[in-house]
Each structure stands twice: as structure tokens, then as C-alpha cells.
């Protein structure tokens, strides 16, 4: 459905004709005007009129309708098409959720398509409407502000993931809870959330590099002002830091998982040593008692008056000796 439709002249929102074709024609007659249409999960029928009026490429329209796209930048004859994946993070459940924002910009128009609940388009529109100096730069300003808002939120999510990972690391190395049978599954689930985050941030690096003029030497992106390249470079720098943070988080999670598995192996070895030590201590009196329980008639010790207390003392002495030996070696 169409969430918002407005004409902007000289950086300010104005009233205009309801018909999209008339609105676009009026904007193209003025250098400082453009129309911005925002849609939320439109159906094919709802999007048909927009497609026809703005001459959007059918491949880009198909991507915008079906969603589930990687971040990318496509250049067509009459428009520029960019896909971004805003993300959200719920610290209580450790779940990273992502949406999609498709942006079409062309001659005096912007069309934004939102899928999911994570896209900050309403905030971006209100922010720009309070900054007419920025909005005067037309569709380029809209594209820059959307990309800036999405990447800035990446920075916040990366910080929240880092905080939660520190808590998980503390739990893993805690002497009381580090051996929990659920810890490995929590670590693996956390790694999957980082992977979901990387799917949003990693592929966006190349499109932003093209917009910043650093991706392909000498390649100019149409419908984007050259003066905007420093602003896109700033967004690209922020994204680079995010990707470095995500890469570090991923390595750290892998290291924590390896450390946890090593801890579990060491604890299992400790348990086996303790069991073996107690079994060895139990075997000595069992062996002695077994020998004297064989009921042979000609066993010389059977006739000794002090044989029973002597054997008890011998067994006790051997138990103490074994206990001290195993204790000194850390087996008990």
C-alpha cells in the first residue's frame, strides 16, 4: 500500500496534484522539485501504476515485489535501484531480524518500498522535512539519508551484539555455569545471529563504494550528484567499521565455542581421573578381601590370631597412601 506521497519544492513539502503523472510532469518542469512515494509491502496490482508512471525496469520491479534480495545497486536506463537490509536486535532473545528497503531514484522522483518492520523510512522522511537544506539536493539526499540511517543502526546493533557476547563469554568461563549442557547451543545460536547480521552488512560495501566513487575508477553513478560522493564515503567508512566489528565478533564466537568444547573435554577428563582414582582405591581392599574369601583350607594366615586386625590395618594404610598419592597429583 502507498504509505506516503508528497511533492518537495526547494526542500519543502508542498501540495500537488493527486495524479502521479501530473505530479511528475510538474516536478520535471522545475529544477528544485521532485516527488517521493513510499510503499509498504505493495501487491503487484498496487505497484502497477507506479511502474507505468515512472518507467521502472521490470527486473527491479520484480525484486521490489518479491523481496528477499541481497543489498545491491543496479543502474537502468531511466532509474537507479538500490536494495538495503535494515536490521533490528532483541537482546532478551538474542535474535537479529532484518527487513528490506528498495529505493528507486530517477529524474525528479524517488520511490521507496519497505518490507518488514525494521526499515526507518518514516524517521528518515521526518528528519529530511526538518532539514530543507539537505532536501534541496533532491533524490540524492533521500538515498544518502536512507543509507546513513540504515548503517548508523548497524553500528548500534554491532555494539549490542558485542555487549551480549561479553556476557556469554563470562558465562562460558564461569566455574559454576560454564559446563552447562545448553551453553554450546547458545553459542551456536549466537553465531547464527551474527551470520544473519553479516548477510545485511557485507554485500552493502560494494554498492556504497560505487556511490562514494571508490568502487570503480572513473565510473559515475547516474541520478546521483557528484557532490554527494564525500557523504557516501562517510557512510562507507562507517560500514567498513561495522564489517570489521562483525568479523571480529564472528572470530570471537568461534574461539569461545572452541574454548567451551575444550573446557568440556578437560572436565570430562577430570571426572574420569576421579572415577579411576576412587575405583583404584576400592580395588585394593576388594582384592585382599577376595583372596581371603576363596575358602582354601591350607591358607597359613587363617590360623593366625592377629591376621584380621593386621589385614584391616594394612588395607587402611594402603587406602591412605593411595588417597594421598592421587590427591598430590590432582586426581581427587
Protein backbone atom coordinates (compact mmCIF):
# COMPACT_ATOMS: atom_id res chain seq x y z
CA UNK A 1 0.00 0.00 0.00
CA UNK A 2 1.04 3.64 -0.50
CA UNK A 3 2.11 4.98 2.88
CA UNK A 4 3.00 8.49 1.80
CA UNK A 5 3.19 10.55 -1.39
CA UNK A 6 4.49 14.09 -1.47
CA UNK A 7 6.00 16.71 -3.76
CA UNK A 8 9.01 18.65 -2.49
CA UNK A 9 9.94 22.03 -3.89
CA UNK A 10 13.02 23.91 -2.77
CA UNK A 11 13.44 21.47 0.10
CA UNK A 12 9.94 21.83 1.45
CA UNK A 13 6.86 19.65 1.27
CA UNK A 14 4.09 21.14 -0.86
CA UNK A 15 0.65 20.22 -2.06
CA UNK A 16 0.37 18.94 -5.59
CA UNK A 17 -1.89 17.03 -7.98
CA UNK A 18 -3.08 13.63 -6.81
CA UNK A 19 -2.37 12.08 -10.20
CA UNK A 20 1.16 10.66 -10.27
CA UNK A 21 1.74 11.51 -13.91
CA UNK A 22 0.75 15.16 -13.43
CA UNK A 23 2.88 15.39 -10.28
CA UNK A 24 5.93 14.02 -12.07
CA UNK A 25 5.44 16.32 -15.05
CA UNK A 26 5.23 19.37 -12.78
CA UNK A 27 8.38 18.34 -10.92
CA UNK A 28 10.33 17.88 -14.13
CA UNK A 29 9.46 21.41 -15.19
CA UNK A 30 11.28 22.72 -12.11
CA UNK A 31 14.89 22.02 -11.24
CA UNK A 32 14.32 22.05 -7.48
CA UNK A 33 11.27 19.75 -7.27
CA UNK A 34 10.77 16.01 -7.01
CA UNK A 35 8.07 13.55 -5.95
CA UNK A 36 8.64 10.94 -3.25
CA UNK A 37 6.32 7.94 -2.98
CA UNK A 38 6.62 5.48 -0.10
CA UNK A 39 5.07 2.00 -0.26
CA UNK A 40 4.84 -0.79 2.29
CA UNK A 41 4.80 -4.38 1.00
CA UNK A 42 2.79 -3.46 -2.12
CA UNK A 43 0.94 -6.02 -4.18
CA UNK A 44 1.59 -6.36 -7.90
CA UNK A 45 -1.64 -4.55 -8.69
CA UNK A 46 -0.83 -1.66 -6.34
CA UNK A 47 2.63 -1.31 -7.86
CA UNK A 48 1.48 -1.38 -11.50
CA UNK A 49 0.54 2.30 -11.61
CA UNK A 50 3.84 3.38 -10.09
CA UNK A 51 5.72 1.15 -12.51
CA UNK A 52 3.99 2.64 -15.52
CA UNK A 53 4.19 6.29 -14.45
CA UNK A 54 7.89 6.17 -13.53
CA UNK A 55 9.00 3.69 -16.21
CA UNK A 56 10.64 1.37 -13.70
CA UNK A 57 12.57 -1.58 -15.05
CA UNK A 58 10.64 -4.88 -14.83
CA UNK A 59 13.55 -6.75 -13.24
CA UNK A 60 13.82 -4.15 -10.47
CA UNK A 61 10.03 -4.20 -10.02
CA UNK A 62 10.13 -7.99 -9.62
CA UNK A 63 12.83 -7.66 -6.95
CA UNK A 64 10.85 -4.97 -5.14
CA UNK A 65 7.70 -7.07 -5.06
CA UNK A 66 9.22 -10.41 -4.07
CA UNK A 67 11.86 -9.04 -1.68
CA UNK A 68 14.43 -11.44 -0.15
CA UNK A 69 17.22 -9.69 -2.05
CA UNK A 70 20.85 -9.11 -1.20
CA UNK A 71 21.98 -5.49 -0.80
CA UNK A 72 22.89 -4.25 -4.25
CA UNK A 73 22.95 -1.30 -6.64
CA UNK A 74 21.57 -1.62 -10.17
CA UNK A 75 21.68 1.05 -12.87
CA UNK A 76 18.96 1.09 -15.53
CA UNK A 77 18.22 3.50 -18.35
CA UNK A 78 15.61 5.55 -16.52
CA UNK A 79 16.33 4.86 -12.87
CA UNK A 80 18.75 3.74 -10.21
CA UNK A 81 17.71 0.81 -7.99
CA UNK A 82 19.26 0.10 -4.60
CA UNK A 83 18.47 -2.57 -2.03
CA UNK A 84 19.36 -2.18 1.66
CA UNK A 85 18.65 -4.53 4.57
CA UNK A 86 17.98 -2.69 7.85
CA UNK A 87 18.31 -4.89 10.92
CA UNK A 88 16.96 -4.96 14.44
CA UNK A 89 18.20 -6.81 17.50
CA UNK A 90 16.26 -8.08 20.51
CA UNK A 91 18.80 -8.53 23.35
CA UNK A 92 16.45 -10.59 25.53
CA UNK A 93 16.02 -13.30 22.91
CA UNK A 94 19.38 -12.74 21.12
CA UNK A 95 17.61 -12.57 17.76
CA UNK A 96 18.68 -10.43 14.81
CA UNK A 97 15.78 -9.61 12.49
CA UNK A 98 16.09 -7.94 9.12
CA UNK A 99 13.81 -6.10 6.73
CA UNK A 100 14.34 -4.68 3.26
CA UNK A 101 14.26 -1.25 1.72
CA UNK A 102 14.20 -0.82 -2.04
CA UNK A 103 14.93 2.66 -3.37
CA UNK A 104 14.25 3.80 -6.94
CA UNK A 105 15.59 7.21 -7.89
CA UNK A 106 15.40 8.88 -11.27
CA UNK A 107 14.67 12.14 -12.96
CA UNK A 108 12.75 14.12 -10.29
CA UNK A 109 11.36 11.11 -8.40
CA UNK A 110 12.03 8.76 -5.52
CA UNK A 111 10.11 5.54 -4.90
CA UNK A 112 10.79 3.63 -1.68
CA UNK A 113 9.44 0.15 -0.98
CA UNK A 114 9.60 -1.27 2.53
CA UNK A 115 9.36 -4.91 3.60
CA UNK A 116 9.39 -5.87 7.28
CA UNK A 117 9.24 -3.70 10.37
CA UNK A 118 12.90 -2.70 10.65
CA UNK A 119 13.05 -0.05 7.93
CA UNK A 120 13.42 3.53 9.30
CA UNK A 121 11.75 5.30 6.36
CA UNK A 122 9.23 7.24 8.43
CA UNK A 123 12.03 8.61 10.61
CA UNK A 124 14.10 9.44 7.54
CA UNK A 125 11.26 11.37 5.90
CA UNK A 126 10.57 13.38 9.06
CA UNK A 127 14.27 14.06 9.51
CA UNK A 128 14.63 15.37 5.96
CA UNK A 129 11.50 17.50 6.19
CA UNK A 130 13.15 19.27 9.14
CA UNK A 131 16.34 19.78 7.11
CA UNK A 132 15.29 21.68 3.95
CA UNK A 133 18.90 22.49 3.11
CA UNK A 134 19.58 18.78 2.75
CA UNK A 135 16.28 18.07 0.99
CA UNK A 136 17.06 20.68 -1.67
CA UNK A 137 19.57 18.21 -3.15
CA UNK A 138 16.63 16.11 -4.31
CA UNK A 139 16.57 12.32 -4.73
CA UNK A 140 20.29 12.05 -3.98
CA UNK A 141 19.68 13.44 -0.49
CA UNK A 142 16.92 10.88 0.10
CA UNK A 143 19.16 7.98 -0.96
CA UNK A 144 22.04 9.24 1.19
CA UNK A 145 19.87 9.77 4.27
CA UNK A 146 18.30 6.29 3.99
CA UNK A 147 21.73 4.66 3.63
CA UNK A 148 23.10 6.74 6.51
CA UNK A 149 20.20 5.80 8.81
CA UNK A 150 20.50 2.09 7.98
CA UNK A 151 24.28 1.99 8.52
CA UNK A 152 24.07 4.05 11.73
CA UNK A 153 21.67 1.47 13.11
CA UNK A 154 24.15 -1.25 12.10
CA UNK A 155 26.63 0.44 14.44
CA UNK A 156 24.12 0.28 17.31
CA UNK A 157 23.32 -3.38 16.65
CA UNK A 158 27.02 -4.28 16.47
CA UNK A 159 27.52 -2.63 19.87
CA UNK A 160 24.60 -4.55 21.39
CA UNK A 161 25.89 -7.82 19.97
CA UNK A 162 29.32 -7.09 21.42
CA UNK A 163 27.83 -6.45 24.87
CA UNK A 164 25.83 -9.68 24.81
CA UNK A 165 28.85 -11.60 23.58
CA UNK A 166 30.86 -10.37 26.56
CA UNK A 167 28.13 -11.69 28.86
CA UNK A 168 28.16 -15.03 27.04
CA UNK A 169 31.94 -15.16 27.32
CA UNK A 170 31.74 -14.54 31.06
CA UNK A 171 29.19 -17.35 31.39
CA UNK A 172 31.35 -19.78 29.42
CA UNK A 173 34.40 -19.18 31.60
CA UNK A 174 32.43 -19.13 34.84
CA UNK A 175 33.44 -22.08 37.07
CA UNK A 176 29.82 -22.66 38.08
CA UNK A 177 27.88 -22.42 34.81
CA UNK A 178 30.49 -22.90 32.11
CA UNK A 179 29.72 -26.59 31.87
CA UNK A 180 26.00 -26.22 31.24
CA UNK A 181 24.75 -28.55 28.53
CA UNK A 182 22.82 -25.62 26.96
CA UNK A 183 25.87 -23.37 26.63
CA UNK A 184 27.10 -24.86 23.34
CA UNK A 185 23.65 -24.47 21.76
CA UNK A 186 23.50 -20.83 22.93
CA UNK A 187 26.91 -20.11 21.41
CA UNK A 188 25.92 -21.71 18.13
CA UNK A 189 22.61 -19.81 18.06
CA UNK A 190 24.51 -16.57 18.70
CA UNK A 191 26.84 -17.38 15.80
CA UNK A 192 23.82 -17.80 13.52
CA UNK A 193 22.59 -14.33 14.51
CA UNK A 194 25.96 -12.85 13.62
CA UNK A 195 25.74 -14.64 10.26
CA UNK A 196 22.31 -13.05 9.70
CA UNK A 197 23.84 -9.66 10.51
CA UNK A 198 26.72 -10.26 8.05
CA UNK A 199 24.24 -11.02 5.28
CA UNK A 200 22.94 -7.48 5.66
CA UNK A 201 26.22 -5.60 6.13
CA UNK A 202 28.74 -7.46 3.96
CA UNK A 203 27.15 -7.15 0.47
CA UNK A 204 26.36 -3.46 1.05
CA UNK A 205 30.05 -2.50 0.93
CA UNK A 206 30.33 -2.63 -2.86
CA UNK A 207 27.19 -0.54 -3.63
CA UNK A 208 28.30 2.16 -1.19
CA UNK A 209 31.79 2.13 -2.67
CA UNK A 210 30.28 2.80 -6.12
CA UNK A 211 28.19 5.65 -4.75
CA UNK A 212 31.26 7.04 -3.00
CA UNK A 213 33.25 6.94 -6.23
CA UNK A 214 35.79 4.43 -4.87
CA UNK A 215 34.38 1.21 -6.27
CA UNK A 216 35.20 1.62 -9.96
CA UNK A 217 37.68 4.30 -11.02
CA UNK A 218 36.09 6.74 -13.38
CA UNK A 219 32.65 5.14 -13.17
CA UNK A 220 29.93 7.66 -12.48
CA UNK A 221 26.61 6.56 -11.00
CA UNK A 222 23.72 8.26 -12.84
CA UNK A 223 20.99 10.17 -10.98
CA UNK A 224 23.44 10.79 -8.09
CA UNK A 225 25.21 14.16 -7.78
CA UNK A 226 28.99 14.03 -7.80
CA UNK A 227 28.99 16.46 -4.86
CA UNK A 228 27.37 13.72 -2.76
CA UNK A 229 30.35 11.37 -3.03
CA UNK A 230 32.05 12.62 0.17
CA UNK A 231 28.83 11.95 2.10
CA UNK A 232 28.58 8.44 0.73
CA UNK A 233 32.26 7.91 1.57
CA UNK A 234 31.44 8.77 5.17
CA UNK A 235 28.66 6.16 5.20
CA UNK A 236 31.01 3.67 3.55
CA UNK A 237 33.60 4.29 6.28
CA UNK A 238 31.01 3.59 8.96
CA UNK A 239 30.02 0.40 7.18
CA UNK A 240 33.66 -0.69 6.97
CA UNK A 241 33.97 -0.33 10.74
CA UNK A 242 30.77 -2.31 11.20
CA UNK A 243 32.02 -5.10 8.95
CA UNK A 244 35.31 -5.20 10.86
CA UNK A 245 33.36 -5.43 14.12
CA UNK A 246 31.17 -8.22 12.76
CA UNK A 247 34.24 -10.10 11.54
CA UNK A 248 35.79 -9.76 15.00
CA UNK A 249 32.58 -10.93 16.68
CA UNK A 250 32.41 -13.95 14.42
CA UNK A 251 36.00 -14.95 15.19
CA UNK A 252 35.45 -14.40 18.90
CA UNK A 253 32.32 -16.57 18.92
CA UNK A 254 34.24 -19.34 17.16
CA UNK A 255 37.04 -19.04 19.72
CA UNK A 256 34.54 -19.12 22.60
CA UNK A 257 32.90 -22.24 21.18
CA UNK A 258 36.31 -23.92 20.80
CA UNK A 259 37.24 -22.90 24.35
CA UNK A 260 33.94 -24.23 25.69
CA UNK A 261 34.40 -27.58 23.95
CA UNK A 262 37.97 -27.74 25.28
CA UNK A 263 36.66 -26.97 28.77
CA UNK A 264 34.11 -29.74 28.50
CA UNK A 265 36.80 -32.17 27.36
CA UNK A 266 39.07 -31.20 30.26
CA UNK A 267 36.23 -31.58 32.74
CA UNK A 268 35.35 -34.97 31.34
CA UNK A 269 39.00 -36.00 31.71
CA UNK A 270 38.98 -34.73 35.30
CA UNK A 271 35.83 -36.71 36.02
CA UNK A 272 37.35 -39.84 34.50
CA UNK A 273 40.51 -39.41 36.60
CA UNK A 274 38.45 -39.04 39.76
CA UNK A 275 36.40 -42.09 38.92
CA UNK A 276 39.57 -44.05 38.14
CA UNK A 277 41.18 -42.94 41.41
CA UNK A 278 38.18 -44.00 43.50
CA UNK A 279 37.99 -47.28 41.58
CA UNK A 280 41.67 -47.94 42.30
CA UNK A 281 41.14 -47.22 45.98
CA UNK A 282 38.17 -49.57 46.07
CA UNK A 283 40.12 -52.28 44.21
CA UNK A 284 42.81 -52.73 46.92
CA UNK A 285 40.53 -53.84 49.80
CA UNK A 286 38.38 -55.75 47.31
CA UNK A 287 41.44 -57.70 46.13
CA UNK A 288 42.61 -58.50 49.66
CA UNK A 289 39.12 -59.46 50.79
CA UNK A 290 38.75 -61.57 47.65
CA UNK A 291 41.89 -63.52 48.37
CA UNK A 292 40.76 -64.40 51.87
CA UNK A 293 37.29 -65.19 50.67
CA UNK A 294 38.41 -68.09 48.46
CA UNK A 295 37.92 -70.62 51.35
CA UNK A 296 41.05 -72.71 50.74
CA UNK A 297 41.82 -74.98 53.66
CA UNK A 298 45.59 -74.54 53.72
CA UNK A 299 45.96 -70.80 53.92
CA UNK A 300 48.54 -70.11 56.62
CA UNK A 301 47.13 -66.75 57.66
CA UNK A 302 43.82 -68.32 58.65
CA UNK A 303 45.39 -69.74 61.77
CA UNK A 304 46.95 -66.51 62.97
CA UNK A 305 45.18 -64.84 65.83
CA UNK A 306 46.10 -61.32 64.71
CA UNK A 307 45.60 -61.79 60.98
CA UNK A 308 42.24 -59.99 60.84
CA UNK A 309 43.31 -56.76 62.58
CA UNK A 310 46.62 -56.80 60.69
CA UNK A 311 44.85 -57.03 57.33
CA UNK A 312 42.42 -54.28 58.33
CA UNK A 313 45.35 -52.04 59.25
CA UNK A 314 47.15 -52.92 56.00
CA UNK A 315 44.06 -52.10 53.93
CA UNK A 316 43.55 -48.81 55.77
CA UNK A 317 47.22 -47.89 55.31
CA UNK A 318 47.06 -48.65 51.60
CA UNK A 319 43.88 -46.58 51.24
CA UNK A 320 45.51 -43.60 52.96
CA UNK A 321 48.61 -43.98 50.82
CA UNK A 322 46.59 -44.12 47.59
CA UNK A 323 44.42 -41.20 48.67
CA UNK A 324 47.46 -39.01 49.38
CA UNK A 325 49.10 -40.07 46.12
CA UNK A 326 46.04 -39.26 44.00
CA UNK A 327 45.43 -36.03 45.91
CA UNK A 328 49.01 -34.83 45.35
CA UNK A 329 48.64 -35.44 41.61
CA UNK A 330 45.31 -33.62 41.41
CA UNK A 331 43.19 -36.64 40.66
CA UNK A 332 40.97 -36.09 43.69
